[in-house]
């Protein structure tokens, strides 16, 4: 697993205003898995984000 630091997260909230992070660190296998990992962690779909860093190990999603 790798830990990816992402920011500028755009959430698909259907017009609702839940308290969701604009930045997070998420643990997954590859960049292609980031949106799914964020969705699994926070319960909302993601439409966009920017990867700002990566490490070979991490501690899971965190804001």
PDB file of N, CA and C in Angstrom:
ATOM      1  N   UNK A   1       0.840  -1.194   0.000  1.00  0.00           N
ATOM      2  CA  UNK A   1       0.000   0.000   0.000  1.00  0.00           C
ATOM      3  C   UNK A   1       0.878   1.249   0.000  1.00  0.00           C
ATOM      4  N   UNK A   2       0.359   2.277  -0.622  1.00  0.00           N
ATOM      5  CA  UNK A   2       1.033   3.571  -0.650  1.00  0.00           C
ATOM      6  C   UNK A   2       0.094   4.609  -0.056  1.00  0.00           C
ATOM      7  N   UNK A   3       0.654   5.641   0.523  1.00  0.00           N
ATOM      8  CA  UNK A   3      -0.141   6.747   1.056  1.00  0.00           C
ATOM      9  C   UNK A   3      -0.011   7.923   0.101  1.00  0.00           C
ATOM     10  N   UNK A   4      -1.136   8.441  -0.349  1.00  0.00           N
ATOM     11  CA  UNK A   4      -1.166   9.579  -1.262  1.00  0.00           C
ATOM     12  C   UNK A   4      -1.769  10.777  -0.545  1.00  0.00           C
ATOM     13  N   UNK A   5      -1.102  11.908  -0.637  1.00  0.00           N
ATOM     14  CA  UNK A   5      -1.623  13.166  -0.098  1.00  0.00           C
ATOM     15  C   UNK A   5      -2.341  13.871  -1.242  1.00  0.00           C
ATOM     16  N   UNK A   6      -3.622  14.186  -1.043  1.00  0.00           N
ATOM     17  CA  UNK A   6      -4.402  14.850  -2.084  1.00  0.00           C
ATOM     18  C   UNK A   6      -5.016  16.128  -1.532  1.00  0.00           C
ATOM     19  N   UNK A   7      -5.235  17.085  -2.429  1.00  0.00           N
ATOM     20  CA  UNK A   7      -5.900  18.333  -2.039  1.00  0.00           C
ATOM     21  C   UNK A   7      -6.802  18.775  -3.185  1.00  0.00           C
ATOM     22  N   UNK A   8      -7.584  19.801  -2.932  1.00  0.00           N
ATOM     23  CA  UNK A   8      -8.520  20.277  -3.946  1.00  0.00           C
ATOM     24  C   UNK A   8      -9.589  19.247  -4.260  1.00  0.00           C
ATOM     25  N   UNK A   9      -9.985  18.468  -3.253  1.00  0.00           N
ATOM     26  CA  UNK A   9     -10.966  17.403  -3.472  1.00  0.00           C
ATOM     27  C   UNK A   9     -12.326  18.024  -3.770  1.00  0.00           C
ATOM     28  N   UNK A  10     -12.911  17.610  -4.876  1.00  0.00           N
ATOM     29  CA  UNK A  10     -14.259  18.043  -5.255  1.00  0.00           C
ATOM     30  C   UNK A  10     -15.181  16.847  -5.036  1.00  0.00           C
ATOM     31  N   UNK A  11     -16.115  17.011  -4.106  1.00  0.00           N
ATOM     32  CA  UNK A  11     -17.037  15.938  -3.736  1.00  0.00           C
ATOM     33  C   UNK A  11     -18.355  16.071  -4.490  1.00  0.00           C
ATOM     34  N   UNK A  12     -18.936  14.945  -4.871  1.00  0.00           N
ATOM     35  CA  UNK A  12     -20.267  14.899  -5.483  1.00  0.00           C
ATOM     36  C   UNK A  12     -21.266  14.735  -4.343  1.00  0.00           C
ATOM     37  N   UNK A  13     -21.891  15.829  -3.922  1.00  0.00           N
ATOM     38  CA  UNK A  13     -22.762  15.786  -2.746  1.00  0.00           C
ATOM     39  C   UNK A  13     -24.234  15.945  -3.074  1.00  0.00           C
ATOM     40  N   UNK A  14     -24.585  16.080  -4.330  1.00  0.00           N
ATOM     41  CA  UNK A  14     -25.986  16.198  -4.707  1.00  0.00           C
ATOM     42  C   UNK A  14     -26.677  17.396  -4.084  1.00  0.00           C
ATOM     43  N   UNK A  15     -25.948  18.491  -3.908  1.00  0.00           N
ATOM     44  CA  UNK A  15     -26.531  19.705  -3.354  1.00  0.00           C
ATOM     45  C   UNK A  15     -26.527  19.773  -1.837  1.00  0.00           C
ATOM     46  N   UNK A  16     -26.149  18.687  -1.169  1.00  0.00           N
ATOM     47  CA  UNK A  16     -26.065  18.696   0.296  1.00  0.00           C
ATOM     48  C   UNK A  16     -24.740  19.320   0.712  1.00  0.00           C
ATOM     49  N   UNK A  17     -24.639  19.721   1.968  1.00  0.00           N
ATOM     50  CA  UNK A  17     -23.432  20.388   2.462  1.00  0.00           C
ATOM     51  C   UNK A  17     -22.813  19.637   3.640  1.00  0.00           C
ATOM     52  N   UNK A  18     -22.388  18.387   3.438  1.00  0.00           N
ATOM     53  CA  UNK A  18     -21.740  17.666   4.537  1.00  0.00           C
ATOM     54  C   UNK A  18     -20.354  18.245   4.816  1.00  0.00           C
ATOM     55  N   UNK A  19     -19.848  17.974   6.000  1.00  0.00           N
ATOM     56  CA  UNK A  19     -18.516  18.438   6.392  1.00  0.00           C
ATOM     57  C   UNK A  19     -17.478  17.454   5.846  1.00  0.00           C
ATOM     58  N   UNK A  20     -16.924  17.760   4.679  1.00  0.00           N
ATOM     59  CA  UNK A  20     -15.945  16.894   4.024  1.00  0.00           C
ATOM     60  C   UNK A  20     -14.628  17.640   3.850  1.00  0.00           C
ATOM     61  N   UNK A  21     -13.507  16.922   3.917  1.00  0.00           N
ATOM     62  CA  UNK A  21     -12.207  17.584   3.801  1.00  0.00           C
ATOM     63  C   UNK A  21     -11.885  18.013   2.373  1.00  0.00           C
ATOM     64  N   UNK A  22     -11.141  19.090   2.246  1.00  0.00           N
ATOM     65  CA  UNK A  22     -10.621  19.529   0.952  1.00  0.00           C
ATOM     66  C   UNK A  22      -9.252  18.906   0.698  1.00  0.00           C
ATOM     67  N   UNK A  23      -8.628  18.385   1.776  1.00  0.00           N
ATOM     68  CA  UNK A  23      -7.335  17.708   1.699  1.00  0.00           C
ATOM     69  C   UNK A  23      -7.411  16.440   2.528  1.00  0.00           C
ATOM     70  N   UNK A  24      -6.654  15.429   2.131  1.00  0.00           N
ATOM     71  CA  UNK A  24      -6.620  14.185   2.895  1.00  0.00           C
ATOM     72  C   UNK A  24      -5.402  13.375   2.494  1.00  0.00           C
ATOM     73  N   UNK A  25      -5.052  12.435   3.350  1.00  0.00           N
ATOM     74  CA  UNK A  25      -4.071  11.417   3.014  1.00  0.00           C
ATOM     75  C   UNK A  25      -4.824  10.102   2.963  1.00  0.00           C
ATOM     76  N   UNK A  26      -4.661   9.380   1.872  1.00  0.00           N
ATOM     77  CA  UNK A  26      -5.402   8.142   1.678  1.00  0.00           C
ATOM     78  C   UNK A  26      -4.438   7.023   1.305  1.00  0.00           C
ATOM     79  N   UNK A  27      -4.697   5.830   1.807  1.00  0.00           N
ATOM     80  CA  UNK A  27      -3.856   4.675   1.537  1.00  0.00           C
ATOM     81  C   UNK A  27      -4.536   3.776   0.512  1.00  0.00           C
ATOM     82  N   UNK A  28      -3.826   3.487  -0.578  1.00  0.00           N
ATOM     83  CA  UNK A  28      -4.348   2.603  -1.616  1.00  0.00           C
ATOM     84  C   UNK A  28      -3.181   2.094  -2.462  1.00  0.00           C
ATOM     85  N   UNK A  29      -3.480   1.233  -3.424  1.00  0.00           N
ATOM     86  CA  UNK A  29      -2.439   0.606  -4.241  1.00  0.00           C
ATOM     87  C   UNK A  29      -1.827   1.541  -5.280  1.00  0.00           C
ATOM     88  N   UNK A  30      -2.658   2.400  -5.917  1.00  0.00           N
ATOM     89  CA  UNK A  30      -2.158   3.243  -7.004  1.00  0.00           C
ATOM     90  C   UNK A  30      -2.984   4.516  -7.119  1.00  0.00           C
ATOM     91  N   UNK A  31      -2.519   5.458  -7.955  1.00  0.00           N
ATOM     92  CA  UNK A  31      -3.254   6.707  -8.180  1.00  0.00           C
ATOM     93  C   UNK A  31      -4.666   6.442  -8.684  1.00  0.00           C
ATOM     94  N   UNK A  32      -4.826   5.396  -9.488  1.00  0.00           N
ATOM     95  CA  UNK A  32      -6.132   5.067 -10.051  1.00  0.00           C
ATOM     96  C   UNK A  32      -7.146   4.669  -8.978  1.00  0.00           C
ATOM     97  N   UNK A  33      -6.673   4.283  -7.800  1.00  0.00           N
ATOM     98  CA  UNK A  33      -7.550   3.832  -6.720  1.00  0.00           C
ATOM     99  C   UNK A  33      -7.903   4.930  -5.720  1.00  0.00           C
ATOM    100  N   UNK A  34      -7.352   6.128  -5.879  1.00  0.00           N
ATOM    101  CA  UNK A  34      -7.541   7.193  -4.892  1.00  0.00           C
ATOM    102  C   UNK A  34      -9.005   7.587  -4.745  1.00  0.00           C
ATOM    103  N   UNK A  35      -9.698   7.843  -5.849  1.00  0.00           N
ATOM    104  CA  UNK A  35     -11.101   8.278  -5.769  1.00  0.00           C
ATOM    105  C   UNK A  35     -11.946   7.240  -5.047  1.00  0.00           C
ATOM    106  N   UNK A  36     -11.737   5.975  -5.349  1.00  0.00           N
ATOM    107  CA  UNK A  36     -12.484   4.911  -4.685  1.00  0.00           C
ATOM    108  C   UNK A  36     -12.173   4.831  -3.201  1.00  0.00           C
ATOM    109  N   UNK A  37     -10.900   5.002  -2.844  1.00  0.00           N
ATOM    110  CA  UNK A  37     -10.510   4.960  -1.436  1.00  0.00           C
ATOM    111  C   UNK A  37     -11.112   6.135  -0.664  1.00  0.00           C
ATOM    112  N   UNK A  38     -11.123   7.327  -1.275  1.00  0.00           N
ATOM    113  CA  UNK A  38     -11.749   8.488  -0.631  1.00  0.00           C
ATOM    114  C   UNK A  38     -13.247   8.258  -0.458  1.00  0.00           C
ATOM    115  N   UNK A  39     -13.884   7.739  -1.491  1.00  0.00           N
ATOM    116  CA  UNK A  39     -15.315   7.465  -1.432  1.00  0.00           C
ATOM    117  C   UNK A  39     -15.627   6.440  -0.343  1.00  0.00           C
ATOM    118  N   UNK A  40     -14.828   5.386  -0.258  1.00  0.00           N
ATOM    119  CA  UNK A  40     -15.025   4.368   0.777  1.00  0.00           C
ATOM    120  C   UNK A  40     -14.843   4.956   2.172  1.00  0.00           C
ATOM    121  N   UNK A  41     -13.868   5.843   2.332  1.00  0.00           N
ATOM    122  CA  UNK A  41     -13.556   6.411   3.646  1.00  0.00           C
ATOM    123  C   UNK A  41     -14.592   7.427   4.112  1.00  0.00           C
ATOM    124  N   UNK A  42     -15.139   8.216   3.183  1.00  0.00           N
ATOM    125  CA  UNK A  42     -16.007   9.327   3.576  1.00  0.00           C
ATOM    126  C   UNK A  42     -17.462   9.167   3.152  1.00  0.00           C
ATOM    127  N   UNK A  43     -17.760   8.172   2.300  1.00  0.00           N
ATOM    128  CA  UNK A  43     -19.145   7.895   1.935  1.00  0.00           C
ATOM    129  C   UNK A  43     -19.731   8.773   0.843  1.00  0.00           C
ATOM    130  N   UNK A  44     -18.894   9.536   0.144  1.00  0.00           N
ATOM    131  CA  UNK A  44     -19.348  10.409  -0.943  1.00  0.00           C
ATOM    132  C   UNK A  44     -18.456  10.194  -2.154  1.00  0.00           C
ATOM    133  N   UNK A  45     -19.013  10.362  -3.351  1.00  0.00           N
ATOM    134  CA  UNK A  45     -18.228  10.237  -4.576  1.00  0.00           C
ATOM    135  C   UNK A  45     -17.328  11.455  -4.762  1.00  0.00           C
ATOM    136  N   UNK A  46     -16.226  11.251  -5.445  1.00  0.00           N
ATOM    137  CA  UNK A  46     -15.253  12.301  -5.722  1.00  0.00           C
ATOM    138  C   UNK A  46     -15.213  12.540  -7.227  1.00  0.00           C
ATOM    139  N   UNK A  47     -15.250  13.819  -7.636  1.00  0.00           N
ATOM    140  CA  UNK A  47     -15.163  14.104  -9.071  1.00  0.00           C
ATOM    141  C   UNK A  47     -13.794  14.641  -9.486  1.00  0.00           C
ATOM    142  N   UNK A  48     -13.020  15.194  -8.536  1.00  0.00           N
ATOM    143  CA  UNK A  48     -11.706  15.724  -8.892  1.00  0.00           C
ATOM    144  C   UNK A  48     -10.847  15.878  -7.646  1.00  0.00           C
ATOM    145  N   UNK A  49      -9.532  15.847  -7.833  1.00  0.00           N
ATOM    146  CA  UNK A  49      -8.557  16.080  -6.764  1.00  0.00           C
ATOM    147  C   UNK A  49      -7.188  16.221  -7.406  1.00  0.00           C
ATOM    148  N   UNK A  50      -6.222  16.708  -6.629  1.00  0.00           N
ATOM    149  CA  UNK A  50      -4.840  16.834  -7.081  1.00  0.00           C
ATOM    150  C   UNK A  50      -3.951  16.057  -6.129  1.00  0.00           C
ATOM    151  N   UNK A  51      -3.108  15.193  -6.657  1.00  0.00           N
ATOM    152  CA  UNK A  51      -2.145  14.454  -5.838  1.00  0.00           C
ATOM    153  C   UNK A  51      -0.946  15.362  -5.599  1.00  0.00           C
ATOM    154  N   UNK A  52      -0.598  15.561  -4.319  1.00  0.00           N
ATOM    155  CA  UNK A  52       0.527  16.438  -3.991  1.00  0.00           C
ATOM    156  C   UNK A  52       1.701  15.693  -3.370  1.00  0.00           C
ATOM    157  N   UNK A  53       1.531  14.417  -3.073  1.00  0.00           N
ATOM    158  CA  UNK A  53       2.634  13.660  -2.506  1.00  0.00           C
ATOM    159  C   UNK A  53       2.299  12.193  -2.384  1.00  0.00           C
ATOM    160  N   UNK A  54       3.358  11.373  -2.209  1.00  0.00           N
ATOM    161  CA  UNK A  54       3.179   9.940  -2.077  1.00  0.00           C
ATOM    162  C   UNK A  54       4.293   9.374  -1.215  1.00  0.00           C
ATOM    163  N   UNK A  55       3.956   8.356  -0.423  1.00  0.00           N
ATOM    164  CA  UNK A  55       4.970   7.615   0.313  1.00  0.00           C
ATOM    165  C   UNK A  55       4.652   6.131   0.187  1.00  0.00           C
ATOM    166  N   UNK A  56       5.584   5.283   0.551  1.00  0.00           N
ATOM    167  CA  UNK A  56       5.394   3.849   0.377  1.00  0.00           C
ATOM    168  C   UNK A  56       4.560   3.218   1.477  1.00  0.00           C
ATOM    169  N   UNK A  57       4.310   3.939   2.556  1.00  0.00           N
ATOM    170  CA  UNK A  57       3.441   3.429   3.612  1.00  0.00           C
ATOM    171  C   UNK A  57       2.686   4.590   4.221  1.00  0.00           C
ATOM    172  N   UNK A  58       1.566   4.277   4.824  1.00  0.00           N
ATOM    173  CA  UNK A  58       0.755   5.337   5.408  1.00  0.00           C
ATOM    174  C   UNK A  58      -0.144   4.811   6.492  1.00  0.00           C
ATOM    175  N   UNK A  59      -0.996   5.683   7.000  1.00  0.00           N
ATOM    176  CA  UNK A  59      -1.872   5.325   8.095  1.00  0.00           C
ATOM    177  C   UNK A  59      -3.338   5.412   7.715  1.00  0.00           C
ATOM    178  N   UNK A  60      -3.671   5.393   6.443  1.00  0.00           N
ATOM    179  CA  UNK A  60      -5.055   5.450   6.017  1.00  0.00           C
ATOM    180  C   UNK A  60      -5.528   6.872   5.842  1.00  0.00           C
ATOM    181  N   UNK A  61      -6.821   7.046   5.550  1.00  0.00           N
ATOM    182  CA  UNK A  61      -7.355   8.384   5.280  1.00  0.00           C
ATOM    183  C   UNK A  61      -7.271   9.295   6.492  1.00  0.00           C
ATOM    184  N   UNK A  62      -6.859  10.508   6.275  1.00  0.00           N
ATOM    185  CA  UNK A  62      -6.878  11.512   7.337  1.00  0.00           C
ATOM    186  C   UNK A  62      -6.948  12.883   6.699  1.00  0.00           C
ATOM    187  N   UNK A  63      -7.648  13.765   7.382  1.00  0.00           N
ATOM    188  CA  UNK A  63      -7.801  15.131   6.859  1.00  0.00           C
ATOM    189  C   UNK A  63      -6.612  15.965   7.255  1.00  0.00           C
TER     190      UNK A  63
END
